[in-house]
Amino acid sequence: MSNENQYIEAAKIAAETASKNTQLTMGISIIGALIALIGVFVTAWITHRNVSRSTVIDALTKQRIEWLNTVRQNFVDFNNLGHELFFAIHREKEDDYIHKKY
């Protein structure tokens, strides 16, 4: 009977050890899952913040390009008008020069 008691005691110790190991493994798994979940939330927050910033930067860049193109077009129009004004003012002098020469 003492051999049976020893086997029963050994089985109880093995079962208790297995139970403790299972609880430890489950606890570590839950902690790991929580850390992973926190990592996912932090990554999502950082991504959202960066997307918001890049959206603002893209909008400002687009507006800047439109403004620059408008300034260029206005400058071209100004140069054309200045060119026409110059020739309108000096056309009389050219006409006088041509008529005097011939």
PDB file of N, CA and C in Angstrom:
ATOM      1  N   MET A   1       0.813  -1.177   0.000  1.00  0.00           N
ATOM      2  CA  MET A   1       0.000   0.000   0.000  1.00  0.00           C
ATOM      3  C   MET A   1       0.866   1.254   0.000  1.00  0.00           C
ATOM      4  N   SER A   2       1.997   1.134   0.484  1.00  0.00           N
ATOM      5  CA  SER A   2       2.853   2.298   0.514  1.00  0.00           C
ATOM      6  C   SER A   2       3.332   2.675  -0.876  1.00  0.00           C
ATOM      7  N   ASN A   3       3.493   1.663  -1.743  1.00  0.00           N
ATOM      8  CA  ASN A   3       3.859   1.977  -3.115  1.00  0.00           C
ATOM      9  C   ASN A   3       2.730   2.713  -3.817  1.00  0.00           C
ATOM     10  N   GLU A   4       1.490   2.289  -3.557  1.00  0.00           N
ATOM     11  CA  GLU A   4       0.352   2.962  -4.166  1.00  0.00           C
ATOM     12  C   GLU A   4       0.253   4.401  -3.679  1.00  0.00           C
ATOM     13  N   ASN A   5       0.504   4.629  -2.403  1.00  0.00           N
ATOM     14  CA  ASN A   5       0.473   5.987  -1.852  1.00  0.00           C
ATOM     15  C   ASN A   5       1.561   6.862  -2.480  1.00  0.00           C
ATOM     16  N   GLN A   6       2.701   6.251  -2.697  1.00  0.00           N
ATOM     17  CA  GLN A   6       3.791   7.014  -3.320  1.00  0.00           C
ATOM     18  C   GLN A   6       3.402   7.415  -4.748  1.00  0.00           C
ATOM     19  N   TYR A   7       2.779   6.469  -5.458  1.00  0.00           N
ATOM     20  CA  TYR A   7       2.362   6.787  -6.827  1.00  0.00           C
ATOM     21  C   TYR A   7       1.266   7.850  -6.854  1.00  0.00           C
ATOM     22  N   ILE A   8       0.363   7.745  -5.900  1.00  0.00           N
ATOM     23  CA  ILE A   8      -0.716   8.740  -5.807  1.00  0.00           C
ATOM     24  C   ILE A   8      -0.140  10.105  -5.469  1.00  0.00           C
ATOM     25  N   GLU A   9       0.792  10.148  -4.535  1.00  0.00           N
ATOM     26  CA  GLU A   9       1.453  11.416  -4.159  1.00  0.00           C
ATOM     27  C   GLU A   9       2.216  11.996  -5.352  1.00  0.00           C
ATOM     28  N   ALA A  10       2.914  11.138  -6.063  1.00  0.00           N
ATOM     29  CA  ALA A  10       3.677  11.595  -7.232  1.00  0.00           C
ATOM     30  C   ALA A  10       2.720  12.138  -8.294  1.00  0.00           C
ATOM     31  N   ALA A  11       1.581  11.464  -8.484  1.00  0.00           N
ATOM     32  CA  ALA A  11       0.595  11.925  -9.461  1.00  0.00           C
ATOM     33  C   ALA A  11      -0.008  13.259  -9.034  1.00  0.00           C
ATOM     34  N   LYS A  12      -0.270  13.432  -7.724  1.00  0.00           N
ATOM     35  CA  LYS A  12      -0.802  14.705  -7.222  1.00  0.00           C
ATOM     36  C   LYS A  12       0.204  15.830  -7.448  1.00  0.00           C
ATOM     37  N   ILE A  13       1.467  15.566  -7.155  1.00  0.00           N
ATOM     38  CA  ILE A  13       2.519  16.587  -7.339  1.00  0.00           C
ATOM     39  C   ILE A  13       2.626  16.946  -8.829  1.00  0.00           C
ATOM     40  N   ALA A  14       2.587  15.951  -9.703  1.00  0.00           N
ATOM     41  CA  ALA A  14       2.672  16.198 -11.147  1.00  0.00           C
ATOM     42  C   ALA A  14       1.476  17.005 -11.631  1.00  0.00           C
ATOM     43  N   ALA A  15       0.286  16.676 -11.106  1.00  0.00           N
ATOM     44  CA  ALA A  15      -0.920  17.399 -11.503  1.00  0.00           C
ATOM     45  C   ALA A  15      -0.869  18.837 -11.017  1.00  0.00           C
ATOM     46  N   GLU A  16      -0.403  19.042  -9.791  1.00  0.00           N
ATOM     47  CA  GLU A  16      -0.282  20.407  -9.260  1.00  0.00           C
ATOM     48  C   GLU A  16       0.738  21.207 -10.067  1.00  0.00           C
ATOM     49  N   THR A  17       1.859  20.593 -10.411  1.00  0.00           N
ATOM     50  CA  THR A  17       2.890  21.266 -11.203  1.00  0.00           C
ATOM     51  C   THR A  17       2.353  21.618 -12.592  1.00  0.00           C
ATOM     52  N   ALA A  18       1.648  20.684 -13.213  1.00  0.00           N
ATOM     53  CA  ALA A  18       1.067  20.936 -14.529  1.00  0.00           C
ATOM     54  C   ALA A  18       0.036  22.061 -14.446  1.00  0.00           C
ATOM     55  N   SER A  19      -0.752  22.076 -13.378  1.00  0.00           N
ATOM     56  CA  SER A  19      -1.755  23.119 -13.194  1.00  0.00           C
ATOM     57  C   SER A  19      -1.087  24.478 -13.032  1.00  0.00           C
ATOM     58  N   LYS A  20      -0.020  24.535 -12.229  1.00  0.00           N
ATOM     59  CA  LYS A  20       0.711  25.799 -12.034  1.00  0.00           C
ATOM     60  C   LYS A  20       1.333  26.264 -13.347  1.00  0.00           C
ATOM     61  N   ASN A  21       1.928  25.322 -14.097  1.00  0.00           N
ATOM     62  CA  ASN A  21       2.539  25.688 -15.382  1.00  0.00           C
ATOM     63  C   ASN A  21       1.485  26.198 -16.369  1.00  0.00           C
ATOM     64  N   THR A  22       0.316  25.569 -16.352  1.00  0.00           N
ATOM     65  CA  THR A  22      -0.770  26.005 -17.232  1.00  0.00           C
ATOM     66  C   THR A  22      -1.241  27.403 -16.852  1.00  0.00           C
ATOM     67  N   GLN A  23      -1.375  27.654 -15.566  1.00  0.00           N
ATOM     68  CA  GLN A  23      -1.798  28.981 -15.110  1.00  0.00           C
ATOM     69  C   GLN A  23      -0.752  30.026 -15.460  1.00  0.00           C
ATOM     70  N   LEU A  24       0.511  29.685 -15.281  1.00  0.00           N
ATOM     71  CA  LEU A  24       1.598  30.617 -15.612  1.00  0.00           C
ATOM     72  C   LEU A  24       1.604  30.907 -17.118  1.00  0.00           C
ATOM     73  N   THR A  25       1.451  29.860 -17.926  1.00  0.00           N
ATOM     74  CA  THR A  25       1.424  30.030 -19.376  1.00  0.00           C
ATOM     75  C   THR A  25       0.237  30.887 -19.801  1.00  0.00           C
ATOM     76  N   MET A  26      -0.922  30.641 -19.191  1.00  0.00           N
ATOM     77  CA  MET A  26      -2.108  31.426 -19.523  1.00  0.00           C
ATOM     78  C   MET A  26      -1.915  32.890 -19.108  1.00  0.00           C
ATOM     79  N   GLY A  27      -1.343  33.126 -17.948  1.00  0.00           N
ATOM     80  CA  GLY A  27      -1.093  34.499 -17.493  1.00  0.00           C
ATOM     81  C   GLY A  27      -0.136  35.230 -18.413  1.00  0.00           C
ATOM     82  N   ILE A  28       0.940  34.568 -18.798  1.00  0.00           N
ATOM     83  CA  ILE A  28       1.915  35.184 -19.704  1.00  0.00           C
ATOM     84  C   ILE A  28       1.272  35.445 -21.070  1.00  0.00           C
ATOM     85  N   SER A  29       0.441  34.519 -21.535  1.00  0.00           N
ATOM     86  CA  SER A  29      -0.245  34.715 -22.822  1.00  0.00           C
ATOM     87  C   SER A  29      -1.176  35.917 -22.772  1.00  0.00           C
ATOM     88  N   ILE A  30      -1.907  36.068 -21.677  1.00  0.00           N
ATOM     89  CA  ILE A  30      -2.821  37.212 -21.540  1.00  0.00           C
ATOM     90  C   ILE A  30      -2.032  38.515 -21.488  1.00  0.00           C
ATOM     91  N   ILE A  31      -0.941  38.533 -20.748  1.00  0.00           N
ATOM     92  CA  ILE A  31      -0.098  39.741 -20.672  1.00  0.00           C
ATOM     93  C   ILE A  31       0.476  40.065 -22.051  1.00  0.00           C
ATOM     94  N   GLY A  32       0.947  39.048 -22.769  1.00  0.00           N
ATOM     95  CA  GLY A  32       1.468  39.265 -24.125  1.00  0.00           C
ATOM     96  C   GLY A  32       0.404  39.809 -25.065  1.00  0.00           C
ATOM     97  N   ALA A  33      -0.814  39.276 -24.953  1.00  0.00           N
ATOM     98  CA  ALA A  33      -1.906  39.769 -25.793  1.00  0.00           C
ATOM     99  C   ALA A  33      -2.246  41.220 -25.469  1.00  0.00           C
ATOM    100  N   LEU A  34      -2.224  41.568 -24.186  1.00  0.00           N
ATOM    101  CA  LEU A  34      -2.497  42.960 -23.794  1.00  0.00           C
ATOM    102  C   LEU A  34      -1.422  43.899 -24.320  1.00  0.00           C
ATOM    103  N   ILE A  35      -0.171  43.472 -24.237  1.00  0.00           N
ATOM    104  CA  ILE A  35       0.925  44.304 -24.764  1.00  0.00           C
ATOM    105  C   ILE A  35       0.766  44.477 -26.278  1.00  0.00           C
ATOM    106  N   ALA A  36       0.403  43.409 -26.979  1.00  0.00           N
ATOM    107  CA  ALA A  36       0.198  43.493 -28.427  1.00  0.00           C
ATOM    108  C   ALA A  36      -0.966  44.424 -28.756  1.00  0.00           C
ATOM    109  N   LEU A  37      -2.041  44.351 -27.973  1.00  0.00           N
ATOM    110  CA  LEU A  37      -3.197  45.219 -28.186  1.00  0.00           C
ATOM    111  C   LEU A  37      -2.833  46.688 -27.964  1.00  0.00           C
ATOM    112  N   ILE A  38      -2.061  46.948 -26.932  1.00  0.00           N
ATOM    113  CA  ILE A  38      -1.594  48.323 -26.680  1.00  0.00           C
ATOM    114  C   ILE A  38      -0.734  48.795 -27.853  1.00  0.00           C
ATOM    115  N   GLY A  39       0.131  47.906 -28.358  1.00  0.00           N
ATOM    116  CA  GLY A  39       0.961  48.252 -29.517  1.00  0.00           C
ATOM    117  C   GLY A  39       0.129  48.584 -30.736  1.00  0.00           C
ATOM    118  N   VAL A  40      -0.945  47.836 -30.954  1.00  0.00           N
ATOM    119  CA  VAL A  40      -1.827  48.104 -32.093  1.00  0.00           C
ATOM    120  C   VAL A  40      -2.493  49.467 -31.937  1.00  0.00           C
ATOM    121  N   PHE A  41      -2.979  49.779 -30.730  1.00  0.00           N
ATOM    122  CA  PHE A  41      -3.618  51.077 -30.513  1.00  0.00           C
ATOM    123  C   PHE A  41      -2.629  52.227 -30.694  1.00  0.00           C
ATOM    124  N   VAL A  42      -1.412  52.064 -30.190  1.00  0.00           N
ATOM    125  CA  VAL A  42      -0.400  53.123 -30.342  1.00  0.00           C
ATOM    126  C   VAL A  42      -0.058  53.314 -31.823  1.00  0.00           C
ATOM    127  N   THR A  43       0.104  52.214 -32.542  1.00  0.00           N
ATOM    128  CA  THR A  43       0.406  52.304 -33.973  1.00  0.00           C
ATOM    129  C   THR A  43      -0.734  52.972 -34.738  1.00  0.00           C
ATOM    130  N   ALA A  44      -1.969  52.618 -34.405  1.00  0.00           N
ATOM    131  CA  ALA A  44      -3.124  53.233 -35.071  1.00  0.00           C
ATOM    132  C   ALA A  44      -3.190  54.723 -34.778  1.00  0.00           C
ATOM    133  N   TRP A  45      -2.902  55.109 -33.550  1.00  0.00           N
ATOM    134  CA  TRP A  45      -2.926  56.533 -33.181  1.00  0.00           C
ATOM    135  C   TRP A  45      -1.840  57.301 -33.931  1.00  0.00           C
ATOM    136  N   ILE A  46      -0.630  56.741 -33.978  1.00  0.00           N
ATOM    137  CA  ILE A  46       0.471  57.409 -34.679  1.00  0.00           C
ATOM    138  C   ILE A  46       0.155  57.526 -36.169  1.00  0.00           C
ATOM    139  N   THR A  47      -0.394  56.465 -36.752  1.00  0.00           N
ATOM    140  CA  THR A  47      -0.758  56.493 -38.172  1.00  0.00           C
ATOM    141  C   THR A  47      -1.822  57.550 -38.441  1.00  0.00           C
ATOM    142  N   HIS A  48      -2.826  57.620 -37.576  1.00  0.00           N
ATOM    143  CA  HIS A  48      -3.882  58.635 -37.734  1.00  0.00           C
ATOM    144  C   HIS A  48      -3.296  60.049 -37.658  1.00  0.00           C
ATOM    145  N   ARG A  49      -2.412  60.271 -36.717  1.00  0.00           N
ATOM    146  CA  ARG A  49      -1.796  61.587 -36.558  1.00  0.00           C
ATOM    147  C   ARG A  49      -0.975  61.951 -37.801  1.00  0.00           C
ATOM    148  N   ASN A  50      -0.204  60.997 -38.306  1.00  0.00           N
ATOM    149  CA  ASN A  50       0.617  61.271 -39.486  1.00  0.00           C
ATOM    150  C   ASN A  50      -0.235  61.506 -40.726  1.00  0.00           C
ATOM    151  N   VAL A  51      -1.327  60.759 -40.865  1.00  0.00           N
ATOM    152  CA  VAL A  51      -2.218  60.955 -42.014  1.00  0.00           C
ATOM    153  C   VAL A  51      -2.865  62.332 -41.941  1.00  0.00           C
ATOM    154  N   SER A  52      -3.259  62.744 -40.734  1.00  0.00           N
ATOM    155  CA  SER A  52      -3.863  64.072 -40.584  1.00  0.00           C
ATOM    156  C   SER A  52      -2.871  65.157 -40.974  1.00  0.00           C
ATOM    157  N   ARG A  53      -1.641  65.013 -40.524  1.00  0.00           N
ATOM    158  CA  ARG A  53      -0.617  66.006 -40.872  1.00  0.00           C
ATOM    159  C   ARG A  53      -0.357  66.023 -42.368  1.00  0.00           C
ATOM    160  N   SER A  54      -0.224  64.846 -42.974  1.00  0.00           N
ATOM    161  CA  SER A  54       0.078  64.817 -44.400  1.00  0.00           C
ATOM    162  C   SER A  54      -1.100  65.344 -45.223  1.00  0.00           C
ATOM    163  N   THR A  55      -2.323  65.157 -44.746  1.00  0.00           N
ATOM    164  CA  THR A  55      -3.480  65.704 -45.441  1.00  0.00           C
ATOM    165  C   THR A  55      -3.432  67.228 -45.440  1.00  0.00           C
ATOM    166  N   VAL A  56      -3.100  67.810 -44.302  1.00  0.00           N
ATOM    167  CA  VAL A  56      -2.982  69.268 -44.205  1.00  0.00           C
ATOM    168  C   VAL A  56      -1.852  69.763 -45.098  1.00  0.00           C
ATOM    169  N   ILE A  57      -0.730  69.065 -45.070  1.00  0.00           N
ATOM    170  CA  ILE A  57       0.418  69.472 -45.887  1.00  0.00           C
ATOM    171  C   ILE A  57       0.068  69.371 -47.366  1.00  0.00           C
ATOM    172  N   ASP A  58      -0.629  68.302 -47.770  1.00  0.00           N
ATOM    173  CA  ASP A  58      -1.022  68.156 -49.173  1.00  0.00           C
ATOM    174  C   ASP A  58      -1.964  69.275 -49.599  1.00  0.00           C
ATOM    175  N   ALA A  59      -2.906  69.625 -48.731  1.00  0.00           N
ATOM    176  CA  ALA A  59      -3.847  70.705 -49.063  1.00  0.00           C
ATOM    177  C   ALA A  59      -3.108  72.030 -49.221  1.00  0.00           C
ATOM    178  N   LEU A  60      -2.195  72.311 -48.300  1.00  0.00           N
ATOM    179  CA  LEU A  60      -1.424  73.561 -48.391  1.00  0.00           C
ATOM    180  C   LEU A  60      -0.544  73.583 -49.632  1.00  0.00           C
ATOM    181  N   THR A  61       0.056  72.454 -49.948  1.00  0.00           N
ATOM    182  CA  THR A  61       0.909  72.384 -51.132  1.00  0.00           C
ATOM    183  C   THR A  61       0.095  72.613 -52.398  1.00  0.00           C
ATOM    184  N   LYS A  62      -1.090  72.017 -52.463  1.00  0.00           N
ATOM    185  CA  LYS A  62      -1.952  72.199 -53.632  1.00  0.00           C
ATOM    186  C   LYS A  62      -2.358  73.667 -53.775  1.00  0.00           C
ATOM    187  N   GLN A  63      -2.719  74.307 -52.659  1.00  0.00           N
ATOM    188  CA  GLN A  63      -3.096  75.723 -52.709  1.00  0.00           C
ATOM    189  C   GLN A  63      -1.913  76.591 -53.119  1.00  0.00           C
ATOM    190  N   ARG A  64      -0.718  76.244 -52.641  1.00  0.00           N
ATOM    191  CA  ARG A  64       0.476  77.004 -52.997  1.00  0.00           C
ATOM    192  C   ARG A  64       0.761  76.884 -54.486  1.00  0.00           C
ATOM    193  N   ILE A  65       0.615  75.690 -55.037  1.00  0.00           N
ATOM    194  CA  ILE A  65       0.851  75.492 -56.471  1.00  0.00           C
ATOM    195  C   ILE A  65      -0.164  76.287 -57.287  1.00  0.00           C
ATOM    196  N   GLU A  66      -1.431  76.260 -56.879  1.00  0.00           N
ATOM    197  CA  GLU A  66      -2.452  77.036 -57.588  1.00  0.00           C
ATOM    198  C   GLU A  66      -2.149  78.528 -57.523  1.00  0.00           C
ATOM    199  N   TRP A  67      -1.736  79.002 -56.354  1.00  0.00           N
ATOM    200  CA  TRP A  67      -1.405  80.419 -56.199  1.00  0.00           C
ATOM    201  C   TRP A  67      -0.219  80.782 -57.076  1.00  0.00           C
ATOM    202  N   LEU A  68       0.795  79.920 -57.097  1.00  0.00           N
ATOM    203  CA  LEU A  68       1.987  80.192 -57.899  1.00  0.00           C
ATOM    204  C   LEU A  68       1.645  80.236 -59.389  1.00  0.00           C
ATOM    205  N   ASN A  69       0.796  79.325 -59.832  1.00  0.00           N
ATOM    206  CA  ASN A  69       0.377  79.346 -61.238  1.00  0.00           C
ATOM    207  C   ASN A  69      -0.417  80.606 -61.557  1.00  0.00           C
ATOM    208  N   THR A  70      -1.250  81.059 -60.635  1.00  0.00           N
ATOM    209  CA  THR A  70      -2.007  82.295 -60.842  1.00  0.00           C
ATOM    210  C   THR A  70      -1.065  83.490 -60.924  1.00  0.00           C
ATOM    211  N   VAL A  71      -0.067  83.537 -60.052  1.00  0.00           N
ATOM    212  CA  VAL A  71       0.909  84.634 -60.089  1.00  0.00           C
ATOM    213  C   VAL A  71       1.669  84.611 -61.410  1.00  0.00           C
ATOM    214  N   ARG A  72       2.067  83.432 -61.864  1.00  0.00           N
ATOM    215  CA  ARG A  72       2.776  83.338 -63.148  1.00  0.00           C
ATOM    216  C   ARG A  72       1.899  83.836 -64.298  1.00  0.00           C
ATOM    217  N   GLN A  73       0.640  83.429 -64.309  1.00  0.00           N
ATOM    218  CA  GLN A  73      -0.263  83.860 -65.380  1.00  0.00           C
ATOM    219  C   GLN A  73      -0.472  85.377 -65.330  1.00  0.00           C
ATOM    220  N   ASN A  74      -0.628  85.914 -64.120  1.00  0.00           N
ATOM    221  CA  ASN A  74      -0.774  87.373 -63.989  1.00  0.00           C
ATOM    222  C   ASN A  74       0.486  88.093 -64.461  1.00  0.00           C
ATOM    223  N   PHE A  75       1.654  87.522 -64.193  1.00  0.00           N
ATOM    224  CA  PHE A  75       2.902  88.132 -64.637  1.00  0.00           C
ATOM    225  C   PHE A  75       2.997  88.111 -66.166  1.00  0.00           C
ATOM    226  N   VAL A  76       2.589  86.995 -66.773  1.00  0.00           N
ATOM    227  CA  VAL A  76       2.586  86.911 -68.242  1.00  0.00           C
ATOM    228  C   VAL A  76       1.632  87.952 -68.823  1.00  0.00           C
ATOM    229  N   ASP A  77       0.442  88.075 -68.255  1.00  0.00           N
ATOM    230  CA  ASP A  77      -0.521  89.070 -68.727  1.00  0.00           C
ATOM    231  C   ASP A  77       0.040  90.478 -68.576  1.00  0.00           C
ATOM    232  N   PHE A  78       0.678  90.748 -67.440  1.00  0.00           N
ATOM    233  CA  PHE A  78       1.270  92.068 -67.213  1.00  0.00           C
ATOM    234  C   PHE A  78       2.359  92.361 -68.253  1.00  0.00           C
ATOM    235  N   ASN A  79       3.210  91.385 -68.520  1.00  0.00           N
ATOM    236  CA  ASN A  79       4.271  91.584 -69.516  1.00  0.00           C
ATOM    237  C   ASN A  79       3.692  91.837 -70.900  1.00  0.00           C
ATOM    238  N   ASN A  80       2.644  91.087 -71.259  1.00  0.00           N
ATOM    239  CA  ASN A  80       2.020  91.301 -72.575  1.00  0.00           C
ATOM    240  C   ASN A  80       1.413  92.698 -72.674  1.00  0.00           C
ATOM    241  N   LEU A  81       0.727  93.124 -71.624  1.00  0.00           N
ATOM    242  CA  LEU A  81       0.146  94.472 -71.642  1.00  0.00           C
ATOM    243  C   LEU A  81       1.227  95.546 -71.690  1.00  0.00           C
ATOM    244  N   GLY A  82       2.306  95.332 -70.946  1.00  0.00           N
ATOM    245  CA  GLY A  82       3.423  96.287 -70.987  1.00  0.00           C
ATOM    246  C   GLY A  82       4.050  96.348 -72.363  1.00  0.00           C
ATOM    247  N   HIS A  83       4.191  95.182 -72.985  1.00  0.00           N
ATOM    248  CA  HIS A  83       4.738  95.115 -74.340  1.00  0.00           C
ATOM    249  C   HIS A  83       3.836  95.860 -75.328  1.00  0.00           C
ATOM    250  N   GLU A  84       2.530  95.627 -75.243  1.00  0.00           N
ATOM    251  CA  GLU A  84       1.588  96.311 -76.120  1.00  0.00           C
ATOM    252  C   GLU A  84       1.593  97.808 -75.871  1.00  0.00           C
ATOM    253  N   LEU A  85       1.675  98.218 -74.603  1.00  0.00           N
ATOM    254  CA  LEU A  85       1.712  99.642 -74.280  1.00  0.00           C
ATOM    255  C   LEU A  85       2.967 100.289 -74.842  1.00  0.00           C
ATOM    256  N   PHE A  86       4.101  99.604 -74.715  1.00  0.00           N
ATOM    257  CA  PHE A  86       5.362 100.144 -75.247  1.00  0.00           C
ATOM    258  C   PHE A  86       5.252 100.373 -76.747  1.00  0.00           C
ATOM    259  N   PHE A  87       4.732  99.378 -77.469  1.00  0.00           N
ATOM    260  CA  PHE A  87       4.625  99.538 -78.912  1.00  0.00           C
ATOM    261  C   PHE A  87       3.557 100.549 -79.300  1.00  0.00           C
ATOM    262  N   ALA A  88       2.502 100.673 -78.486  1.00  0.00           N
ATOM    263  CA  ALA A  88       1.477 101.681 -78.783  1.00  0.00           C
ATOM    264  C   ALA A  88       2.059 103.081 -78.625  1.00  0.00           C
ATOM    265  N   ILE A  89       2.876 103.272 -77.614  1.00  0.00           N
ATOM    266  CA  ILE A  89       3.487 104.593 -77.390  1.00  0.00           C
ATOM    267  C   ILE A  89       4.517 104.894 -78.479  1.00  0.00           C
ATOM    268  N   HIS A  90       5.306 103.899 -78.821  1.00  0.00           N
ATOM    269  CA  HIS A  90       6.401 104.141 -79.764  1.00  0.00           C
ATOM    270  C   HIS A  90       6.004 103.934 -81.224  1.00  0.00           C
ATOM    271  N   ARG A  91       4.795 103.507 -81.497  1.00  0.00           N
ATOM    272  CA  ARG A  91       4.352 103.310 -82.877  1.00  0.00           C
ATOM    273  C   ARG A  91       4.301 104.650 -83.615  1.00  0.00           C
ATOM    274  N   GLU A  92       3.844 105.680 -82.887  1.00  0.00           N
ATOM    275  CA  GLU A  92       3.790 107.001 -83.532  1.00  0.00           C
ATOM    276  C   GLU A  92       5.182 107.447 -83.945  1.00  0.00           C
ATOM    277  N   LYS A  93       6.141 107.196 -83.082  1.00  0.00           N
ATOM    278  CA  LYS A  93       7.517 107.587 -83.425  1.00  0.00           C
ATOM    279  C   LYS A  93       8.023 106.764 -84.595  1.00  0.00           C
ATOM    280  N   GLU A  94       7.686 105.467 -84.655  1.00  0.00           N
ATOM    281  CA  GLU A  94       8.095 104.625 -85.770  1.00  0.00           C
ATOM    282  C   GLU A  94       7.448 105.099 -87.073  1.00  0.00           C
ATOM    283  N   ASP A  95       6.173 105.391 -86.978  1.00  0.00           N
ATOM    284  CA  ASP A  95       5.466 105.853 -88.179  1.00  0.00           C
ATOM    285  C   ASP A  95       6.074 107.155 -88.689  1.00  0.00           C
ATOM    286  N   ASP A  96       6.378 108.081 -87.769  1.00  0.00           N
ATOM    287  CA  ASP A  96       7.013 109.338 -88.172  1.00  0.00           C
ATOM    288  C   ASP A  96       8.368 109.075 -88.805  1.00  0.00           C
ATOM    289  N   TYR A  97       9.138 108.142 -88.255  1.00  0.00           N
ATOM    290  CA  TYR A  97      10.473 107.832 -88.774  1.00  0.00           C
ATOM    291  C   TYR A  97      10.366 107.227 -90.173  1.00  0.00           C
ATOM    292  N   ILE A  98       9.401 106.325 -90.343  1.00  0.00           N
ATOM    293  CA  ILE A  98       9.241 105.674 -91.643  1.00  0.00           C
ATOM    294  C   ILE A  98       8.775 106.690 -92.690  1.00  0.00           C
ATOM    295  N   HIS A  99       7.837 107.567 -92.337  1.00  0.00           N
ATOM    296  CA  HIS A  99       7.341 108.556 -93.312  1.00  0.00           C
ATOM    297  C   HIS A  99       8.385 109.587 -93.644  1.00  0.00           C
ATOM    298  N   LYS A 100       9.222 109.945 -92.694  1.00  0.00           N
ATOM    299  CA  LYS A 100      10.272 110.952 -92.966  1.00  0.00           C
ATOM    300  C   LYS A 100      11.359 110.340 -93.851  1.00  0.00           C
ATOM    301  N   LYS A 101      11.626 109.055 -93.664  1.00  0.00           N
ATOM    302  CA  LYS A 101      12.683 108.406 -94.423  1.00  0.00           C
ATOM    303  C   LYS A 101      12.290 108.265 -95.889  1.00  0.00           C
ATOM    304  N   TYR A 102      11.072 108.050 -96.214  1.00  0.00           N
ATOM    305  CA  TYR A 102      10.652 107.814 -97.592  1.00  0.00           C
ATOM    306  C   TYR A 102       9.983 109.003 -98.099  1.00  0.00           C
TER     307      TYR A 102
END
